[in-house]
Amino acid sequence: MKRLCIKTNLEEALLDSDFVIESIYENLEVKRKLFKKMDALLPEKIIIASSTSGLMMSNIAQDMSQHPERAIVA
């Protein structure tokens, strides 16, 4: 648990990430905006996963212009 920390700034939260999993509420537009921001901030080797239970990843990743292929459902 020592390695877990809470951040309120997205850029700070993503710093030094090896893997990112998004677990926000099921709202397509909100998830789409978050994935777009993370795509721009993270190096291309970092996988961005979603815990979505009802949305298609192709719809969530629609606005990712850098590396949409790294978006997955976990």
Protein backbone atom coordinates (compact mmCIF):
# COMPACT_ATOMS: atom_id res chain seq x y z
CA MET A 1 0.00 0.00 0.00
CA LYS A 2 2.99 2.32 0.35
CA ARG A 3 3.17 2.61 -3.43
CA LEU A 4 -0.42 3.84 -3.77
CA CYS A 5 -1.10 7.55 -3.67
CA ILE A 6 -3.98 9.83 -4.57
CA LYS A 7 -3.46 12.71 -6.97
CA THR A 8 -5.91 15.38 -8.10
CA ASN A 9 -3.83 16.56 -11.06
CA LEU A 10 -3.90 14.28 -14.12
CA GLU A 11 -0.40 15.15 -15.32
CA GLU A 12 1.05 14.50 -11.88
CA ALA A 13 -0.92 11.26 -11.51
CA LEU A 14 0.38 9.91 -14.83
CA LEU A 15 4.00 10.79 -14.16
CA ASP A 16 6.18 7.65 -14.11
CA SER A 17 3.21 5.36 -14.89
CA ASP A 18 3.86 1.90 -16.28
CA PHE A 19 0.18 1.03 -16.81
CA VAL A 20 -3.00 3.11 -16.42
CA ILE A 21 -6.48 1.84 -15.64
CA GLU A 22 -9.43 4.21 -15.78
CA SER A 23 -12.38 3.51 -13.48
CA ILE A 24 -14.67 6.52 -13.76
CA TYR A 25 -18.43 6.36 -14.16
CA GLU A 26 -20.00 5.04 -17.37
CA ASN A 27 -20.31 8.21 -19.43
CA LEU A 28 -18.98 7.94 -22.96
CA GLU A 29 -18.16 11.63 -23.43
CA VAL A 30 -16.31 11.88 -20.11
CA LYS A 31 -14.31 8.71 -20.82
CA ARG A 32 -13.56 9.88 -24.36
CA LYS A 33 -12.18 13.21 -23.09
CA LEU A 34 -10.07 11.48 -20.44
CA PHE A 35 -8.59 8.98 -22.91
CA LYS A 36 -7.77 11.80 -25.33
CA LYS A 37 -5.91 13.68 -22.57
CA MET A 38 -4.06 10.58 -21.40
CA ASP A 39 -3.11 9.71 -24.98
CA ALA A 40 -1.46 13.12 -25.35
CA LEU A 41 0.34 12.95 -22.00
CA LEU A 42 1.64 9.38 -21.87
CA PRO A 43 4.53 7.80 -23.78
CA GLU A 44 3.32 5.46 -26.52
CA LYS A 45 4.47 2.29 -24.69
CA ILE A 46 2.01 2.82 -21.83
CA ILE A 47 -1.21 0.77 -22.03
CA ILE A 48 -4.37 2.68 -21.12
CA ALA A 49 -7.10 0.35 -19.85
CA SER A 50 -10.73 0.95 -18.96
CA SER A 51 -12.93 -0.90 -16.51
CA THR A 52 -16.00 -0.15 -18.62
CA SER A 53 -18.74 -2.73 -18.48
CA GLY A 54 -20.99 -1.47 -21.23
CA LEU A 55 -19.13 0.85 -23.59
CA MET A 56 -17.17 -0.15 -26.68
CA MET A 57 -13.48 0.68 -26.54
CA SER A 58 -13.61 1.78 -30.17
CA ASN A 59 -16.05 4.51 -29.10
CA ILE A 60 -14.03 5.52 -26.03
CA ALA A 61 -10.77 5.72 -28.00
CA GLN A 62 -12.34 7.52 -30.96
CA ASP A 63 -10.60 10.85 -30.21
CA MET A 64 -7.18 9.38 -29.40
CA SER A 65 -5.03 10.80 -32.20
CA GLN A 66 -1.63 9.56 -31.02
CA HIS A 67 -1.85 5.84 -30.21
CA PRO A 68 -5.43 4.50 -30.05
CA GLU A 69 -4.14 0.93 -30.40
CA ARG A 70 -2.96 0.96 -26.78
CA ALA A 71 -6.48 1.42 -25.37
CA ILE A 72 -7.95 -1.79 -23.94
CA VAL A 73 -10.81 -2.99 -21.75
CA ALA A 74 -9.57 -4.68 -18.59
